[in-house]
C-alpha atoms as a PDB file:
ATOM      1  CA  UNK A   1     -13.203 -16.766  20.773  1.00  0.00           C
ATOM      2  CA  UNK A   2     -13.705 -13.885  17.368  1.00  0.00           C
ATOM      3  CA  UNK A   3     -15.887 -14.493  13.746  1.00  0.00           C
ATOM      4  CA  UNK A   4     -13.094 -12.426  12.315  1.00  0.00           C
ATOM      5  CA  UNK A   5     -12.299 -13.545   7.882  1.00  0.00           C
ATOM      6  CA  UNK A   6      -9.743 -16.463   7.835  1.00  0.00           C
ATOM      7  CA  UNK A   7      -6.506 -15.176   6.003  1.00  0.00           C
ATOM      8  CA  UNK A   8      -7.013 -17.365   2.980  1.00  0.00           C
ATOM      9  CA  UNK A   9     -10.887 -15.194   3.569  1.00  0.00           C
ATOM     10  CA  UNK A  10      -9.927 -12.082   3.502  1.00  0.00           C
ATOM     11  CA  UNK A  11      -6.585 -13.009   0.713  1.00  0.00           C
ATOM     12  CA  UNK A  12      -9.745 -13.627  -2.164  1.00  0.00           C
ATOM     13  CA  UNK A  13     -11.817 -11.229  -1.304  1.00  0.00           C
ATOM     14  CA  UNK A  14      -8.769  -8.589  -1.523  1.00  0.00           C
ATOM     15  CA  UNK A  15      -7.020 -10.452  -4.885  1.00  0.00           C
ATOM     16  CA  UNK A  16     -11.080  -9.460  -6.415  1.00  0.00           C
ATOM     17  CA  UNK A  17     -11.183  -6.560  -5.095  1.00  0.00           C
ATOM     18  CA  UNK A  18      -8.117  -4.979  -6.459  1.00  0.00           C
ATOM     19  CA  UNK A  19      -8.184  -6.546  -9.752  1.00  0.00           C
ATOM     20  CA  UNK A  20     -11.862  -5.373 -10.714  1.00  0.00           C
ATOM     21  CA  UNK A  21     -10.029  -2.272 -10.040  1.00  0.00           C
ATOM     22  CA  UNK A  22      -6.766  -3.559 -12.153  1.00  0.00           C
ATOM     23  CA  UNK A  23     -10.084  -4.208 -15.643  1.00  0.00           C
ATOM     24  CA  UNK A  24     -11.677  -1.744 -15.302  1.00  0.00           C
ATOM     25  CA  UNK A  25      -8.369   0.615 -15.714  1.00  0.00           C
ATOM     26  CA  UNK A  26      -6.287  -2.155 -18.459  1.00  0.00           C
ATOM     27  CA  UNK A  27     -10.243  -1.876 -20.103  1.00  0.00           C
ATOM     28  CA  UNK A  28     -10.894   2.184 -19.529  1.00  0.00           C
ATOM     29  CA  UNK A  29     -14.161   1.502 -18.710  1.00  0.00           C
ATOM     30  CA  UNK A  30     -15.787   4.680 -16.981  1.00  0.00           C
ATOM     31  CA  UNK A  31     -17.399   4.254 -13.957  1.00  0.00           C
ATOM     32  CA  UNK A  32     -20.654   5.935 -12.273  1.00  0.00           C
ATOM     33  CA  UNK A  33     -18.243   6.954  -9.730  1.00  0.00           C
ATOM     34  CA  UNK A  34     -15.664   5.503 -10.192  1.00  0.00           C
ATOM     35  CA  UNK A  35     -12.749   2.813  -9.655  1.00  0.00           C
ATOM     36  CA  UNK A  36     -13.191   0.837  -6.643  1.00  0.00           C
ATOM     37  CA  UNK A  37     -12.015   3.059  -4.139  1.00  0.00           C
ATOM     38  CA  UNK A  38     -10.870   2.604  -0.011  1.00  0.00           C
ATOM     39  CA  UNK A  39      -9.910   3.798   2.727  1.00  0.00           C
ATOM     40  CA  UNK A  40      -6.513   3.925   0.738  1.00  0.00           C
ATOM     41  CA  UNK A  41      -7.048   7.106  -1.260  1.00  0.00           C
ATOM     42  CA  UNK A  42      -6.885  10.459   0.306  1.00  0.00           C
ATOM     43  CA  UNK A  43     -10.493  11.033  -0.475  1.00  0.00           C
ATOM     44  CA  UNK A  44     -14.442   9.201  -1.130  1.00  0.00           C
ATOM     45  CA  UNK A  45     -13.903   8.188  -4.334  1.00  0.00           C
ATOM     46  CA  UNK A  46     -16.763  10.360  -5.587  1.00  0.00           C
ATOM     47  CA  UNK A  47     -15.547  13.536  -4.006  1.00  0.00           C
ATOM     48  CA  UNK A  48     -13.408  14.459  -6.481  1.00  0.00           C
ATOM     49  CA  UNK A  49     -12.879  12.731 -10.449  1.00  0.00           C
ATOM     50  CA  UNK A  50     -10.086   9.240  -9.948  1.00  0.00           C
ATOM     51  CA  UNK A  51      -8.196  11.541 -12.290  1.00  0.00           C
ATOM     52  CA  UNK A  52      -7.808  13.558 -10.254  1.00  0.00           C
ATOM     53  CA  UNK A  53      -6.621  10.974  -6.780  1.00  0.00           C
ATOM     54  CA  UNK A  54      -2.829  10.445  -7.422  1.00  0.00           C
ATOM     55  CA  UNK A  55      -2.283  14.358  -7.563  1.00  0.00           C
ATOM     56  CA  UNK A  56      -3.236  14.973  -3.786  1.00  0.00           C
ATOM     57  CA  UNK A  57      -0.058  12.491  -3.072  1.00  0.00           C
ATOM     58  CA  UNK A  58       2.328  12.983  -5.692  1.00  0.00           C
ATOM     59  CA  UNK A  59       3.735  16.468  -6.982  1.00  0.00           C
ATOM     60  CA  UNK A  60       2.925  17.308 -10.851  1.00  0.00           C
ATOM     61  CA  UNK A  61       6.191  17.225 -11.558  1.00  0.00           C
ATOM     62  CA  UNK A  62       7.441  13.901 -10.248  1.00  0.00           C
ATOM     63  CA  UNK A  63       4.591  11.867 -12.968  1.00  0.00           C
ATOM     64  CA  UNK A  64       5.401  13.726 -16.012  1.00  0.00           C
ATOM     65  CA  UNK A  65       6.744  10.550 -17.702  1.00  0.00           C
ATOM     66  CA  UNK A  66       3.716   8.088 -15.816  1.00  0.00           C
ATOM     67  CA  UNK A  67       1.678   6.520 -18.025  1.00  0.00           C
ATOM     68  CA  UNK A  68      -2.111   7.701 -17.324  1.00  0.00           C
ATOM     69  CA  UNK A  69      -3.010   4.044 -16.006  1.00  0.00           C
ATOM     70  CA  UNK A  70      -0.444   4.259 -13.677  1.00  0.00           C
ATOM     71  CA  UNK A  71      -1.479   7.759 -11.846  1.00  0.00           C
ATOM     72  CA  UNK A  72      -4.872   6.064 -12.108  1.00  0.00           C
ATOM     73  CA  UNK A  73      -4.068   2.397 -10.670  1.00  0.00           C
ATOM     74  CA  UNK A  74      -3.519   4.706  -7.411  1.00  0.00           C
ATOM     75  CA  UNK A  75      -5.349   3.605  -4.722  1.00  0.00           C
ATOM     76  CA  UNK A  76      -2.490   4.556  -2.116  1.00  0.00           C
ATOM     77  CA  UNK A  77      -1.950   7.026   0.925  1.00  0.00           C
ATOM     78  CA  UNK A  78       1.342   8.202   0.400  1.00  0.00           C
ATOM     79  CA  UNK A  79       4.474   8.505  -0.953  1.00  0.00           C
ATOM     80  CA  UNK A  80       6.408   6.045  -0.121  1.00  0.00           C
ATOM     81  CA  UNK A  81       8.379   7.207  -3.240  1.00  0.00           C
ATOM     82  CA  UNK A  82       9.721  10.487  -1.306  1.00  0.00           C
ATOM     83  CA  UNK A  83       9.671   9.621   2.352  1.00  0.00           C
ATOM     84  CA  UNK A  84      11.944   7.065   1.744  1.00  0.00           C
ATOM     85  CA  UNK A  85      14.806   8.682   0.240  1.00  0.00           C
ATOM     86  CA  UNK A  86      15.821   7.040  -2.271  1.00  0.00           C
ATOM     87  CA  UNK A  87      19.230   6.657  -3.697  1.00  0.00           C
ATOM     88  CA  UNK A  88      20.641   6.536  -7.298  1.00  0.00           C
ATOM     89  CA  UNK A  89      21.915   3.628  -7.230  1.00  0.00           C
ATOM     90  CA  UNK A  90      20.172   1.423  -4.626  1.00  0.00           C
ATOM     91  CA  UNK A  91      17.714  -1.549  -5.603  1.00  0.00           C
ATOM     92  CA  UNK A  92      13.885  -1.156  -4.241  1.00  0.00           C
ATOM     93  CA  UNK A  93      11.142  -3.656  -3.247  1.00  0.00           C
ATOM     94  CA  UNK A  94       7.741  -2.485  -3.426  1.00  0.00           C
ATOM     95  CA  UNK A  95       5.314  -4.395  -2.271  1.00  0.00           C
ATOM     96  CA  UNK A  96       2.194  -4.965  -3.293  1.00  0.00           C
ATOM     97  CA  UNK A  97       2.730  -2.667  -6.354  1.00  0.00           C
ATOM     98  CA  UNK A  98       0.085  -2.478  -8.074  1.00  0.00           C
ATOM     99  CA  UNK A  99      -0.701  -0.482 -11.934  1.00  0.00           C
ATOM    100  CA  UNK A 100       3.215   0.196 -11.023  1.00  0.00           C
ATOM    101  CA  UNK A 101       2.991   3.865 -10.242  1.00  0.00           C
ATOM    102  CA  UNK A 102       6.316   4.332  -7.296  1.00  0.00           C
ATOM    103  CA  UNK A 103       7.335   1.461  -8.712  1.00  0.00           C
ATOM    104  CA  UNK A 104       8.622   3.786 -11.899  1.00  0.00           C
ATOM    105  CA  UNK A 105       8.417   6.591  -9.679  1.00  0.00           C
ATOM    106  CA  UNK A 106      11.350   4.779  -7.263  1.00  0.00           C
ATOM    107  CA  UNK A 107      13.526   4.354 -10.716  1.00  0.00           C
ATOM    108  CA  UNK A 108      13.652   7.036 -11.748  1.00  0.00           C
ATOM    109  CA  UNK A 109      15.003   7.955  -7.768  1.00  0.00           C
ATOM    110  CA  UNK A 110      17.131   4.989  -8.260  1.00  0.00           C
ATOM    111  CA  UNK A 111      19.017   5.445 -11.488  1.00  0.00           C
ATOM    112  CA  UNK A 112      20.171   3.270 -13.802  1.00  0.00           C
ATOM    113  CA  UNK A 113      22.181   1.948 -11.426  1.00  0.00           C
ATOM    114  CA  UNK A 114      19.402   0.496  -9.825  1.00  0.00           C
ATOM    115  CA  UNK A 115      16.909  -1.394  -9.756  1.00  0.00           C
ATOM    116  CA  UNK A 116      12.754  -1.707  -8.018  1.00  0.00           C
ATOM    117  CA  UNK A 117      10.814  -4.822  -8.372  1.00  0.00           C
ATOM    118  CA  UNK A 118       7.150  -4.883  -8.282  1.00  0.00           C
ATOM    119  CA  UNK A 119       5.771  -7.543  -6.751  1.00  0.00           C
ATOM    120  CA  UNK A 120       1.869  -8.031  -6.271  1.00  0.00           C
ATOM    121  CA  UNK A 121      -0.786 -11.637  -6.162  1.00  0.00           C
ATOM    122  CA  UNK A 122      -3.146 -10.281  -8.603  1.00  0.00           C
ATOM    123  CA  UNK A 123      -2.746 -10.924 -12.107  1.00  0.00           C
ATOM    124  CA  UNK A 124      -4.620  -8.279 -13.951  1.00  0.00           C
ATOM    125  CA  UNK A 125      -2.155  -5.310 -11.346  1.00  0.00           C
ATOM    126  CA  UNK A 126       0.992  -7.188 -13.239  1.00  0.00           C
ATOM    127  CA  UNK A 127      -0.214  -6.642 -16.631  1.00  0.00           C
ATOM    128  CA  UNK A 128      -1.143  -3.256 -15.790  1.00  0.00           C
ATOM    129  CA  UNK A 129       2.274  -2.847 -14.109  1.00  0.00           C
ATOM    130  CA  UNK A 130       4.326  -3.802 -16.351  1.00  0.00           C
ATOM    131  CA  UNK A 131       2.068  -3.031 -19.125  1.00  0.00           C
ATOM    132  CA  UNK A 132       3.460   0.999 -17.832  1.00  0.00           C
ATOM    133  CA  UNK A 133       6.723   0.171 -17.738  1.00  0.00           C
ATOM    134  CA  UNK A 134       6.570  -1.067 -20.994  1.00  0.00           C
ATOM    135  CA  UNK A 135       4.833   2.579 -21.746  1.00  0.00           C
ATOM    136  CA  UNK A 136       7.589   4.290 -20.107  1.00  0.00           C
ATOM    137  CA  UNK A 137       9.647   2.922 -21.676  1.00  0.00           C
ATOM    138  CA  UNK A 138      11.686   2.084 -18.203  1.00  0.00           C
ATOM    139  CA  UNK A 139      13.781  -0.609 -18.258  1.00  0.00           C
ATOM    140  CA  UNK A 140      15.794  -1.522 -14.729  1.00  0.00           C
ATOM    141  CA  UNK A 141      12.052  -2.155 -13.657  1.00  0.00           C
ATOM    142  CA  UNK A 142      11.229  -6.005 -13.218  1.00  0.00           C
ATOM    143  CA  UNK A 143       8.022  -7.244 -10.869  1.00  0.00           C
ATOM    144  CA  UNK A 144       7.541 -11.156  -9.628  1.00  0.00           C
ATOM    145  CA  UNK A 145       4.468 -12.350  -8.709  1.00  0.00           C
ATOM    146  CA  UNK A 146       3.092 -13.943  -5.408  1.00  0.00           C
ATOM    147  CA  UNK A 147       2.551 -12.252  -1.944  1.00  0.00           C
ATOM    148  CA  UNK A 148       4.327 -10.062   0.230  1.00  0.00           C
ATOM    149  CA  UNK A 149       4.549 -12.951   2.921  1.00  0.00           C
ATOM    150  CA  UNK A 150       6.701 -14.543   1.358  1.00  0.00           C
ATOM    151  CA  UNK A 151       8.758 -12.661  -0.970  1.00  0.00           C
ATOM    152  CA  UNK A 152      10.346 -14.459  -4.220  1.00  0.00           C
ATOM    153  CA  UNK A 153      14.104 -13.076  -3.790  1.00  0.00           C
ATOM    154  CA  UNK A 154      17.257 -13.642  -1.677  1.00  0.00           C
ATOM    155  CA  UNK A 155      17.649 -12.613   1.568  1.00  0.00           C
ATOM    156  CA  UNK A 156      19.627  -8.903   2.092  1.00  0.00           C
ATOM    157  CA  UNK A 157      18.539  -8.378  -1.953  1.00  0.00           C
ATOM    158  CA  UNK A 158      16.937  -4.997  -1.040  1.00  0.00           C
ATOM    159  CA  UNK A 159      18.478  -1.608  -0.090  1.00  0.00           C
ATOM    160  CA  UNK A 160      14.766  -0.478   0.991  1.00  0.00           C
ATOM    161  CA  UNK A 161      11.552  -0.940   1.537  1.00  0.00           C
ATOM    162  CA  UNK A 162       8.232   0.494   0.262  1.00  0.00           C
ATOM    163  CA  UNK A 163       4.754  -0.256  -0.079  1.00  0.00           C
ATOM    164  CA  UNK A 164       1.845   2.544  -0.378  1.00  0.00           C
ATOM    165  CA  UNK A 165      -1.448   1.122   1.650  1.00  0.00           C
ATOM    166  CA  UNK A 166      -0.763  -3.037   1.400  1.00  0.00           C
ATOM    167  CA  UNK A 167       0.443  -4.015   4.659  1.00  0.00           C
ATOM    168  CA  UNK A 168      -2.982  -3.670   6.517  1.00  0.00           C
ATOM    169  CA  UNK A 169      -3.912  -5.651   3.636  1.00  0.00           C
ATOM    170  CA  UNK A 170      -2.323  -9.034   5.211  1.00  0.00           C
ATOM    171  CA  UNK A 171      -4.238 -11.320   7.179  1.00  0.00           C
ATOM    172  CA  UNK A 172      -0.271 -12.244   8.313  1.00  0.00           C
ATOM    173  CA  UNK A 173       0.943  -8.841   9.680  1.00  0.00           C
ATOM    174  CA  UNK A 174       3.735 -10.954  11.091  1.00  0.00           C
ATOM    175  CA  UNK A 175       4.956 -12.581   8.370  1.00  0.00           C
ATOM    176  CA  UNK A 176       5.088  -9.456   5.541  1.00  0.00           C
ATOM    177  CA  UNK A 177       7.329  -8.033   8.839  1.00  0.00           C
ATOM    178  CA  UNK A 178      10.256 -11.032   8.774  1.00  0.00           C
ATOM    179  CA  UNK A 179       9.838 -11.586   5.531  1.00  0.00           C
ATOM    180  CA  UNK A 180      11.149  -8.190   5.090  1.00  0.00           C
ATOM    181  CA  UNK A 181      13.755  -7.830   7.363  1.00  0.00           C
ATOM    182  CA  UNK A 182      14.843 -11.289   5.868  1.00  0.00           C
ATOM    183  CA  UNK A 183      15.095  -9.274   2.498  1.00  0.00           C
ATOM    184  CA  UNK A 184      17.187  -6.603   3.695  1.00  0.00           C
ATOM    185  CA  UNK A 185      20.313  -4.979   4.008  1.00  0.00           C
ATOM    186  CA  UNK A 186      22.082  -4.871   7.347  1.00  0.00           C
ATOM    187  CA  UNK A 187      21.630  -1.892   7.321  1.00  0.00           C
ATOM    188  CA  UNK A 188      18.336  -1.280   5.051  1.00  0.00           C
ATOM    189  CA  UNK A 189      15.278   0.887   5.367  1.00  0.00           C
ATOM    190  CA  UNK A 190      11.491  -0.031   5.725  1.00  0.00           C
ATOM    191  CA  UNK A 191       9.504   2.980   5.208  1.00  0.00           C
ATOM    192  CA  UNK A 192       6.134   2.181   4.312  1.00  0.00           C
ATOM    193  CA  UNK A 193       2.962   4.544   4.109  1.00  0.00           C
ATOM    194  CA  UNK A 194      -0.033   2.534   5.683  1.00  0.00           C
ATOM    195  CA  UNK A 195      -3.871   2.999   8.007  1.00  0.00           C
ATOM    196  CA  UNK A 196      -2.892   2.947  11.110  1.00  0.00           C
ATOM    197  CA  UNK A 197      -5.660   2.895  14.046  1.00  0.00           C
ATOM    198  CA  UNK A 198      -4.510   5.237  17.100  1.00  0.00           C
ATOM    199  CA  UNK A 199      -5.754   4.938  20.785  1.00  0.00           C
ATOM    200  CA  UNK A 200      -8.090   1.709  20.567  1.00  0.00           C
ATOM    201  CA  UNK A 201      -8.220  -1.088  18.066  1.00  0.00           C
ATOM    202  CA  UNK A 202     -11.182  -0.226  15.502  1.00  0.00           C
ATOM    203  CA  UNK A 203     -14.583  -2.116  17.191  1.00  0.00           C
ATOM    204  CA  UNK A 204     -14.763  -5.578  16.445  1.00  0.00           C
ATOM    205  CA  UNK A 205     -17.781  -5.845  13.592  1.00  0.00           C
ATOM    206  CA  UNK A 206     -15.909  -3.647  11.418  1.00  0.00           C
ATOM    207  CA  UNK A 207     -12.880  -5.715  12.247  1.00  0.00           C
ATOM    208  CA  UNK A 208     -14.753  -9.276  10.852  1.00  0.00           C
ATOM    209  CA  UNK A 209     -15.914  -6.966   7.430  1.00  0.00           C
ATOM    210  CA  UNK A 210     -14.733  -8.950   4.298  1.00  0.00           C
ATOM    211  CA  UNK A 211     -14.991  -5.369   2.632  1.00  0.00           C
ATOM    212  CA  UNK A 212     -13.524  -3.696   4.755  1.00  0.00           C
ATOM    213  CA  UNK A 213     -10.437  -5.361   5.095  1.00  0.00           C
ATOM    214  CA  UNK A 214     -10.605  -5.852   0.851  1.00  0.00           C
ATOM    215  CA  UNK A 215     -11.351  -1.307   1.913  1.00  0.00           C
ATOM    216  CA  UNK A 216      -8.053  -1.196   4.307  1.00  0.00           C
ATOM    217  CA  UNK A 217      -9.829  -0.283   7.705  1.00  0.00           C
ATOM    218  CA  UNK A 218     -11.183  -4.404   9.723  1.00  0.00           C
ATOM    219  CA  UNK A 219      -6.802  -5.076   9.224  1.00  0.00           C
ATOM    220  CA  UNK A 220      -5.000  -1.767  10.128  1.00  0.00           C
ATOM    221  CA  UNK A 221      -3.611  -2.404  13.340  1.00  0.00           C
ATOM    222  CA  UNK A 222      -2.723   0.128  16.277  1.00  0.00           C
ATOM    223  CA  UNK A 223       0.140   1.936  16.236  1.00  0.00           C
ATOM    224  CA  UNK A 224       1.114   0.405  19.801  1.00  0.00           C
ATOM    225  CA  UNK A 225       0.902  -2.694  18.347  1.00  0.00           C
ATOM    226  CA  UNK A 226       2.303  -2.035  14.468  1.00  0.00           C
ATOM    227  CA  UNK A 227       5.341  -0.977  17.097  1.00  0.00           C
ATOM    228  CA  UNK A 228       5.684  -3.958  18.789  1.00  0.00           C
ATOM    229  CA  UNK A 229       5.530  -6.661  15.171  1.00  0.00           C
ATOM    230  CA  UNK A 230       8.570  -4.889  13.567  1.00  0.00           C
ATOM    231  CA  UNK A 231      10.259  -4.567  16.856  1.00  0.00           C
ATOM    232  CA  UNK A 232       9.472  -8.828  17.329  1.00  0.00           C
ATOM    233  CA  UNK A 233      10.853  -8.262  13.954  1.00  0.00           C
ATOM    234  CA  UNK A 234      13.856  -7.729  14.289  1.00  0.00           C
ATOM    235  CA  UNK A 235      13.115  -3.927  13.338  1.00  0.00           C
ATOM    236  CA  UNK A 236      15.752  -1.075  15.004  1.00  0.00           C
ATOM    237  CA  UNK A 237      14.516   2.893  14.991  1.00  0.00           C
ATOM    238  CA  UNK A 238      11.230   1.899  14.294  1.00  0.00           C
ATOM    239  CA  UNK A 239       9.228   6.181  13.565  1.00  0.00           C
ATOM    240  CA  UNK A 240       5.579   7.153  13.141  1.00  0.00           C
ATOM    241  CA  UNK A 241       4.239   9.968  11.443  1.00  0.00           C
ATOM    242  CA  UNK A 242       1.267  11.002  11.007  1.00  0.00           C
ATOM    243  CA  UNK A 243       0.023  11.964   7.410  1.00  0.00           C
ATOM    244  CA  UNK A 244      -4.303  12.242   7.274  1.00  0.00           C
ATOM    245  CA  UNK A 245      -6.424  11.990   9.942  1.00  0.00           C
ATOM    246  CA  UNK A 246      -9.641   9.978   7.771  1.00  0.00           C
ATOM    247  CA  UNK A 247     -13.402  10.909   8.407  1.00  0.00           C
ATOM    248  CA  UNK A 248     -16.583   9.298   7.200  1.00  0.00           C
ATOM    249  CA  UNK A 249     -16.453  10.630   4.459  1.00  0.00           C
ATOM    250  CA  UNK A 250     -12.415   9.434   3.246  1.00  0.00           C
ATOM    251  CA  UNK A 251     -15.174   6.014   3.327  1.00  0.00           C
ATOM    252  CA  UNK A 252     -17.533   5.957  -0.082  1.00  0.00           C
ATOM    253  CA  UNK A 253     -20.458   6.430  -0.023  1.00  0.00           C
ATOM    254  CA  UNK A 254     -21.659   2.607  -0.570  1.00  0.00           C
ATOM    255  CA  UNK A 255     -19.765   1.285   2.346  1.00  0.00           C
ATOM    256  CA  UNK A 256     -20.742   4.549   5.030  1.00  0.00           C
ATOM    257  CA  UNK A 257     -23.344   2.312   7.170  1.00  0.00           C
ATOM    258  CA  UNK A 258     -21.087   0.368   8.174  1.00  0.00           C
ATOM    259  CA  UNK A 259     -18.857   2.860  10.199  1.00  0.00           C
ATOM    260  CA  UNK A 260     -19.998   4.718  12.579  1.00  0.00           C
ATOM    261  CA  UNK A 261     -20.653   7.875  11.586  1.00  0.00           C
ATOM    262  CA  UNK A 262     -17.170   9.566  13.317  1.00  0.00           C
ATOM    263  CA  UNK A 263     -13.621   8.047  13.154  1.00  0.00           C
ATOM    264  CA  UNK A 264     -13.103   9.031  15.656  1.00  0.00           C
ATOM    265  CA  UNK A 265     -14.684   7.616  17.838  1.00  0.00           C
ATOM    266  CA  UNK A 266     -13.321   7.992  21.882  1.00  0.00           C
ATOM    267  CA  UNK A 267     -10.186   6.700  21.579  1.00  0.00           C
ATOM    268  CA  UNK A 268      -9.973   5.788  18.205  1.00  0.00           C
ATOM    269  CA  UNK A 269      -8.489   7.394  15.807  1.00  0.00           C
ATOM    270  CA  UNK A 270      -8.032   6.369  11.335  1.00  0.00           C
ATOM    271  CA  UNK A 271      -4.948   7.561  10.162  1.00  0.00           C
ATOM    272  CA  UNK A 272      -2.608   7.597   7.127  1.00  0.00           C
ATOM    273  CA  UNK A 273       1.673   7.162   8.377  1.00  0.00           C
ATOM    274  CA  UNK A 274       4.308   7.022   7.293  1.00  0.00           C
ATOM    275  CA  UNK A 275       6.243   3.935   9.608  1.00  0.00           C
ATOM    276  CA  UNK A 276      10.069   3.858   8.959  1.00  0.00           C
ATOM    277  CA  UNK A 277      12.640   1.321  10.593  1.00  0.00           C
ATOM    278  CA  UNK A 278      16.184  -0.251   9.951  1.00  0.00           C
ATOM    279  CA  UNK A 279      17.648  -3.633   9.998  1.00  0.00           C
ATOM    280  CA  UNK A 280      20.780  -3.707  12.146  1.00  0.00           C
ATOM    281  CA  UNK A 281      23.956  -3.353  10.386  1.00  0.00           C
END
């Protein structure tokens, strides 16, 4: 028997967490440290100003023409727009698109003959993303409201699925991966950045904490689980490349009391990774 929180409680905790992050950017209200951050961030919240966080994941040249609010709302753990090797004319879907930075960057890479969709469940993030798209003058984008476990797009309608530190937030990752496979065209690519546990699973006590679910840690799959679930969904050519290994310093200060002093305890290691796979032709 498990004491892990159920799916609806997890979803609401995640929604509230990221709604607060979006509101802070929309209202431009400075916090005592920085906006809500997470293990998804490439550095701990208070180790550097929030304005610098996006620069650790994206090249400066990439961010030209991207509204500041999009970079301020970036809470990812990688740069899927580069890792996915997007091509002109492709249709891209970003699962959990947040403030829209990866959608806007994808739209630039696929060009006017392509399209970039963003899917998010949080009204505040959708409001922010649409505002950012309008400010950037990007036309080939569309932001959809919905859940990544039930994607509101037709079968075989997308060339590439990207995501940035979001799949770990879902309580039903099997449904997410099945839906990703469904909406991809034959030969389509799955190319996401995510938090992954290498080796032994996280201690049960951590997986039970809603705060650490919203913080991208408690819901992270082990590498073997990720590969198994992708295979079960129908994917092949599965690959995983470690982008960064995390330590305690990468956890927001107010959460460190709940986390083991060394995140690399024994056979357990927390990493951000680029996870790739293909749908059969």
